[in-house]
Amino acid sequence: MLRMDTPKAANKMAKISKKPTSPFTSFEIGGIKGLLDEGMDDTQGLTEANPLVNIPNVDMFSTSGKLIIEVEMPGVRKEDVEIVLAGRTLTVKALKFECFEDNRINYVCMERVFGKVCREIDIPFTVDASKIKAAYENGILTITAARIKDNRSASMRIPIESEDCE
């Protein structure tokens, strides 16, 4: 048994960092830095009238028989949304228009974004493409897909037949 008052025990105790912790992981910081670098390198994007692409938030959950994906898209009209499934990638695209008609408005603060909205979502398992449904209500796009059993990865024992050649 190791006693805590010995010098060996002091070396074995966990050390606590005195650095302030960041709310972001290094992966998130790298992703944010990559987006900023792309924007800085894209000189065409700065001179053209095309807005940057907004990436909506997504929640994805499953039951035994369904995959449900919820995409936040406030301010987007249903008729401006396009959903495409290619392989195991679901792409949701939309266009969010500005709702201001009066050009004489002098904004003090404007945080909402407008323009292209796009999100690619990797589907984690096989779904029945013919049974995918989408509904849009209160700024949330809900996509429901029926799960199907993928027997390609299931293991099974294969019997060896006799070598009788007839």
C-alpha atoms as a PDB file:
ATOM      1  CA  MET A   1       0.000   0.000   0.000  1.00  0.00           C
ATOM      2  CA  LEU A   2       1.279   3.428  -0.966  1.00  0.00           C
ATOM      3  CA  ARG A   3       1.083   6.106   1.698  1.00  0.00           C
ATOM      4  CA  MET A   4       0.223   9.613   0.522  1.00  0.00           C
ATOM      5  CA  ASP A   5       2.715  11.341   2.781  1.00  0.00           C
ATOM      6  CA  THR A   6       5.755   9.721   1.148  1.00  0.00           C
ATOM      7  CA  PRO A   7       7.756  11.434  -1.652  1.00  0.00           C
ATOM      8  CA  LYS A   8       6.966   8.558  -4.069  1.00  0.00           C
ATOM      9  CA  ALA A   9       3.230   9.085  -3.546  1.00  0.00           C
ATOM     10  CA  ALA A  10       3.529  12.794  -4.305  1.00  0.00           C
ATOM     11  CA  ASN A  11       5.065  11.975  -7.713  1.00  0.00           C
ATOM     12  CA  LYS A  12       2.184   9.594  -8.551  1.00  0.00           C
ATOM     13  CA  MET A  13      -0.600  12.124  -7.900  1.00  0.00           C
ATOM     14  CA  ALA A  14      -2.323  13.748 -10.891  1.00  0.00           C
ATOM     15  CA  LYS A  15      -1.154  17.201 -11.853  1.00  0.00           C
ATOM     16  CA  ILE A  16      -3.721  19.907 -12.504  1.00  0.00           C
ATOM     17  CA  SER A  17      -2.989  22.370 -15.279  1.00  0.00           C
ATOM     18  CA  LYS A  18      -3.107  26.027 -14.311  1.00  0.00           C
ATOM     19  CA  LYS A  19      -3.741  27.132 -17.902  1.00  0.00           C
ATOM     20  CA  PRO A  20      -7.242  28.445 -18.632  1.00  0.00           C
ATOM     21  CA  THR A  21      -9.256  25.884 -20.554  1.00  0.00           C
ATOM     22  CA  SER A  22     -10.826  26.655 -23.918  1.00  0.00           C
ATOM     23  CA  PRO A  23     -14.467  25.759 -24.581  1.00  0.00           C
ATOM     24  CA  PHE A  24     -13.372  24.539 -28.044  1.00  0.00           C
ATOM     25  CA  THR A  25     -11.532  21.314 -28.800  1.00  0.00           C
ATOM     26  CA  SER A  26      -8.479  21.395 -31.068  1.00  0.00           C
ATOM     27  CA  PHE A  27     -10.578  19.707 -33.782  1.00  0.00           C
ATOM     28  CA  GLU A  28     -13.168  22.529 -33.654  1.00  0.00           C
ATOM     29  CA  ILE A  29     -10.476  25.199 -33.659  1.00  0.00           C
ATOM     30  CA  GLY A  30      -8.819  23.556 -36.689  1.00  0.00           C
ATOM     31  CA  GLY A  31     -12.150  23.483 -38.528  1.00  0.00           C
ATOM     32  CA  ILE A  32     -12.860  27.138 -37.744  1.00  0.00           C
ATOM     33  CA  LYS A  33      -9.336  28.112 -38.799  1.00  0.00           C
ATOM     34  CA  GLY A  34      -9.783  26.171 -42.064  1.00  0.00           C
ATOM     35  CA  LEU A  35     -13.010  28.010 -42.860  1.00  0.00           C
ATOM     36  CA  LEU A  36     -11.379  31.362 -42.150  1.00  0.00           C
ATOM     37  CA  ASP A  37      -8.337  30.474 -44.284  1.00  0.00           C
ATOM     38  CA  GLU A  38     -10.610  29.427 -47.175  1.00  0.00           C
ATOM     39  CA  GLY A  39     -12.417  32.751 -46.963  1.00  0.00           C
ATOM     40  CA  MET A  40      -9.140  34.691 -46.963  1.00  0.00           C
ATOM     41  CA  ASP A  41      -7.707  32.798 -49.935  1.00  0.00           C
ATOM     42  CA  ASP A  42     -10.869  33.127 -52.017  1.00  0.00           C
ATOM     43  CA  THR A  43     -10.367  36.456 -53.766  1.00  0.00           C
ATOM     44  CA  GLN A  44     -13.231  35.688 -56.169  1.00  0.00           C
ATOM     45  CA  GLY A  45     -15.618  35.340 -53.254  1.00  0.00           C
ATOM     46  CA  LEU A  46     -14.685  38.828 -52.086  1.00  0.00           C
ATOM     47  CA  THR A  47     -15.329  40.488 -55.431  1.00  0.00           C
ATOM     48  CA  GLU A  48     -18.413  38.542 -56.568  1.00  0.00           C
ATOM     49  CA  ALA A  49     -21.917  39.087 -55.247  1.00  0.00           C
ATOM     50  CA  ASN A  50     -22.212  35.406 -54.175  1.00  0.00           C
ATOM     51  CA  PRO A  51     -22.606  35.135 -50.396  1.00  0.00           C
ATOM     52  CA  LEU A  52     -20.728  32.617 -48.281  1.00  0.00           C
ATOM     53  CA  VAL A  53     -22.459  29.298 -47.626  1.00  0.00           C
ATOM     54  CA  ASN A  54     -24.118  28.918 -44.224  1.00  0.00           C
ATOM     55  CA  ILE A  55     -23.983  25.507 -42.527  1.00  0.00           C
ATOM     56  CA  PRO A  56     -27.138  24.705 -40.531  1.00  0.00           C
ATOM     57  CA  ASN A  57     -27.126  22.740 -37.264  1.00  0.00           C
ATOM     58  CA  VAL A  58     -28.244  19.108 -37.424  1.00  0.00           C
ATOM     59  CA  ASP A  59     -29.564  16.599 -34.885  1.00  0.00           C
ATOM     60  CA  MET A  60     -29.603  12.941 -35.936  1.00  0.00           C
ATOM     61  CA  PHE A  61     -31.045  10.060 -33.941  1.00  0.00           C
ATOM     62  CA  SER A  62     -32.337   6.582 -34.640  1.00  0.00           C
ATOM     63  CA  THR A  63     -34.833   4.065 -33.411  1.00  0.00           C
ATOM     64  CA  SER A  64     -34.837   0.364 -34.232  1.00  0.00           C
ATOM     65  CA  GLY A  65     -36.610   1.041 -37.523  1.00  0.00           C
ATOM     66  CA  LYS A  66     -35.960   4.697 -38.437  1.00  0.00           C
ATOM     67  CA  LEU A  67     -33.294   7.326 -38.846  1.00  0.00           C
ATOM     68  CA  ILE A  68     -34.488  10.847 -38.062  1.00  0.00           C
ATOM     69  CA  ILE A  69     -32.537  13.941 -39.074  1.00  0.00           C
ATOM     70  CA  GLU A  70     -33.558  17.432 -37.963  1.00  0.00           C
ATOM     71  CA  VAL A  71     -31.997  20.431 -39.710  1.00  0.00           C
ATOM     72  CA  GLU A  72     -32.347  23.975 -38.336  1.00  0.00           C
ATOM     73  CA  MET A  73     -33.407  26.285 -41.161  1.00  0.00           C
ATOM     74  CA  PRO A  74     -35.234  29.294 -39.701  1.00  0.00           C
ATOM     75  CA  GLY A  75     -36.387  31.845 -42.247  1.00  0.00           C
ATOM     76  CA  VAL A  76     -36.096  29.450 -45.202  1.00  0.00           C
ATOM     77  CA  ARG A  77     -39.185  28.840 -47.319  1.00  0.00           C
ATOM     78  CA  LYS A  78     -40.158  25.191 -47.936  1.00  0.00           C
ATOM     79  CA  GLU A  79     -40.098  25.665 -51.707  1.00  0.00           C
ATOM     80  CA  ASP A  80     -36.469  26.872 -51.551  1.00  0.00           C
ATOM     81  CA  VAL A  81     -35.174  23.621 -49.998  1.00  0.00           C
ATOM     82  CA  GLU A  82     -33.575  20.812 -52.041  1.00  0.00           C
ATOM     83  CA  ILE A  83     -32.729  17.393 -50.554  1.00  0.00           C
ATOM     84  CA  VAL A  84     -30.579  14.873 -52.465  1.00  0.00           C
ATOM     85  CA  LEU A  85     -29.425  11.393 -51.425  1.00  0.00           C
ATOM     86  CA  ALA A  86     -26.335  10.085 -53.243  1.00  0.00           C
ATOM     87  CA  GLY A  87     -24.974   6.836 -51.840  1.00  0.00           C
ATOM     88  CA  ARG A  88     -24.737   7.363 -48.091  1.00  0.00           C
ATOM     89  CA  THR A  89     -24.540  11.164 -48.267  1.00  0.00           C
ATOM     90  CA  LEU A  90     -27.630  13.301 -47.801  1.00  0.00           C
ATOM     91  CA  THR A  91     -27.254  16.882 -49.055  1.00  0.00           C
ATOM     92  CA  VAL A  92     -29.612  19.633 -47.931  1.00  0.00           C
ATOM     93  CA  LYS A  93     -29.437  22.904 -49.893  1.00  0.00           C
ATOM     94  CA  ALA A  94     -31.531  26.038 -49.605  1.00  0.00           C
ATOM     95  CA  LEU A  95     -31.528  29.742 -50.244  1.00  0.00           C
ATOM     96  CA  LYS A  96     -32.419  32.119 -47.425  1.00  0.00           C
ATOM     97  CA  PHE A  97     -33.608  35.443 -48.781  1.00  0.00           C
ATOM     98  CA  GLU A  98     -33.400  38.773 -47.023  1.00  0.00           C
ATOM     99  CA  CYS A  99     -36.800  39.903 -45.861  1.00  0.00           C
ATOM    100  CA  PHE A 100     -36.104  43.634 -46.016  1.00  0.00           C
ATOM    101  CA  GLU A 101     -37.715  45.724 -48.708  1.00  0.00           C
ATOM    102  CA  ASP A 102     -36.924  49.181 -47.402  1.00  0.00           C
ATOM    103  CA  ASN A 103     -33.379  50.210 -48.402  1.00  0.00           C
ATOM    104  CA  ARG A 104     -33.522  53.267 -46.145  1.00  0.00           C
ATOM    105  CA  ILE A 105     -33.072  51.190 -42.961  1.00  0.00           C
ATOM    106  CA  ASN A 106     -29.955  52.034 -40.948  1.00  0.00           C
ATOM    107  CA  TYR A 107     -29.055  48.932 -38.942  1.00  0.00           C
ATOM    108  CA  VAL A 108     -27.514  49.297 -35.524  1.00  0.00           C
ATOM    109  CA  CYS A 109     -26.872  45.547 -35.306  1.00  0.00           C
ATOM    110  CA  MET A 110     -27.526  42.745 -37.821  1.00  0.00           C
ATOM    111  CA  GLU A 111     -26.526  39.212 -36.834  1.00  0.00           C
ATOM    112  CA  ARG A 112     -28.824  37.101 -39.003  1.00  0.00           C
ATOM    113  CA  VAL A 113     -27.273  35.656 -42.144  1.00  0.00           C
ATOM    114  CA  PHE A 114     -28.785  35.272 -45.601  1.00  0.00           C
ATOM    115  CA  GLY A 115     -27.757  33.485 -48.754  1.00  0.00           C
ATOM    116  CA  LYS A 116     -26.886  29.891 -49.541  1.00  0.00           C
ATOM    117  CA  VAL A 117     -27.463  27.182 -46.941  1.00  0.00           C
ATOM    118  CA  CYS A 118     -25.850  23.778 -47.444  1.00  0.00           C
ATOM    119  CA  ARG A 119     -25.170  20.738 -45.283  1.00  0.00           C
ATOM    120  CA  GLU A 120     -23.866  17.295 -46.245  1.00  0.00           C
ATOM    121  CA  ILE A 121     -24.800  14.551 -43.806  1.00  0.00           C
ATOM    122  CA  ASP A 122     -23.186  11.106 -43.787  1.00  0.00           C
ATOM    123  CA  ILE A 123     -25.813   8.423 -43.169  1.00  0.00           C
ATOM    124  CA  PRO A 124     -24.336   5.959 -40.626  1.00  0.00           C
ATOM    125  CA  PHE A 125     -26.203   2.865 -41.889  1.00  0.00           C
ATOM    126  CA  THR A 126     -28.233   1.607 -44.828  1.00  0.00           C
ATOM    127  CA  VAL A 127     -31.662   3.192 -45.367  1.00  0.00           C
ATOM    128  CA  ASP A 128     -34.449   2.514 -47.850  1.00  0.00           C
ATOM    129  CA  ALA A 129     -34.110   5.372 -50.351  1.00  0.00           C
ATOM    130  CA  SER A 130     -37.658   4.831 -51.632  1.00  0.00           C
ATOM    131  CA  LYS A 131     -39.131   5.477 -48.170  1.00  0.00           C
ATOM    132  CA  ILE A 132     -37.417   8.739 -47.237  1.00  0.00           C
ATOM    133  CA  LYS A 133     -39.846  11.474 -46.193  1.00  0.00           C
ATOM    134  CA  ALA A 134     -39.291  15.134 -45.370  1.00  0.00           C
ATOM    135  CA  ALA A 135     -41.440  17.653 -43.503  1.00  0.00           C
ATOM    136  CA  TYR A 136     -40.800  21.322 -42.757  1.00  0.00           C
ATOM    137  CA  GLU A 137     -42.400  23.069 -39.790  1.00  0.00           C
ATOM    138  CA  ASN A 138     -41.415  26.045 -37.600  1.00  0.00           C
ATOM    139  CA  GLY A 139     -37.962  26.369 -39.156  1.00  0.00           C
ATOM    140  CA  ILE A 140     -37.039  22.693 -38.640  1.00  0.00           C
ATOM    141  CA  LEU A 141     -36.632  20.332 -41.603  1.00  0.00           C
ATOM    142  CA  THR A 142     -37.299  16.767 -40.420  1.00  0.00           C
ATOM    143  CA  ILE A 143     -36.097  13.928 -42.661  1.00  0.00           C
ATOM    144  CA  THR A 144     -37.207  10.395 -41.792  1.00  0.00           C
ATOM    145  CA  ALA A 145     -35.730   7.297 -43.425  1.00  0.00           C
ATOM    146  CA  ALA A 146     -36.567   3.643 -42.853  1.00  0.00           C
ATOM    147  CA  ARG A 147     -33.583   1.543 -41.769  1.00  0.00           C
ATOM    148  CA  ILE A 148     -32.964  -1.674 -43.660  1.00  0.00           C
ATOM    149  CA  LYS A 149     -30.848  -4.577 -42.564  1.00  0.00           C
ATOM    150  CA  ASP A 150     -27.616  -4.735 -44.507  1.00  0.00           C
ATOM    151  CA  ASN A 151     -26.745  -8.422 -44.807  1.00  0.00           C
ATOM    152  CA  ARG A 152     -23.467  -7.770 -46.629  1.00  0.00           C
ATOM    153  CA  SER A 153     -21.527  -7.439 -43.382  1.00  0.00           C
ATOM    154  CA  ALA A 154     -23.270 -10.304 -41.556  1.00  0.00           C
ATOM    155  CA  SER A 155     -21.143 -13.376 -40.952  1.00  0.00           C
ATOM    156  CA  MET A 156     -22.368 -16.849 -41.785  1.00  0.00           C
ATOM    157  CA  ARG A 157     -20.855 -20.295 -41.970  1.00  0.00           C
ATOM    158  CA  ILE A 158     -20.564 -21.732 -45.477  1.00  0.00           C
ATOM    159  CA  PRO A 159     -20.630 -25.547 -45.779  1.00  0.00           C
ATOM    160  CA  ILE A 160     -18.130 -27.319 -48.036  1.00  0.00           C
ATOM    161  CA  GLU A 161     -19.724 -29.460 -50.672  1.00  0.00           C
ATOM    162  CA  SER A 162     -18.352 -32.842 -51.768  1.00  0.00           C
ATOM    163  CA  GLU A 163     -15.977 -32.936 -54.707  1.00  0.00           C
ATOM    164  CA  ASP A 164     -18.106 -35.258 -56.839  1.00  0.00           C
ATOM    165  CA  CYS A 165     -17.819 -34.048 -60.386  1.00  0.00           C
ATOM    166  CA  GLU A 166     -20.581 -35.297 -62.619  1.00  0.00           C
END
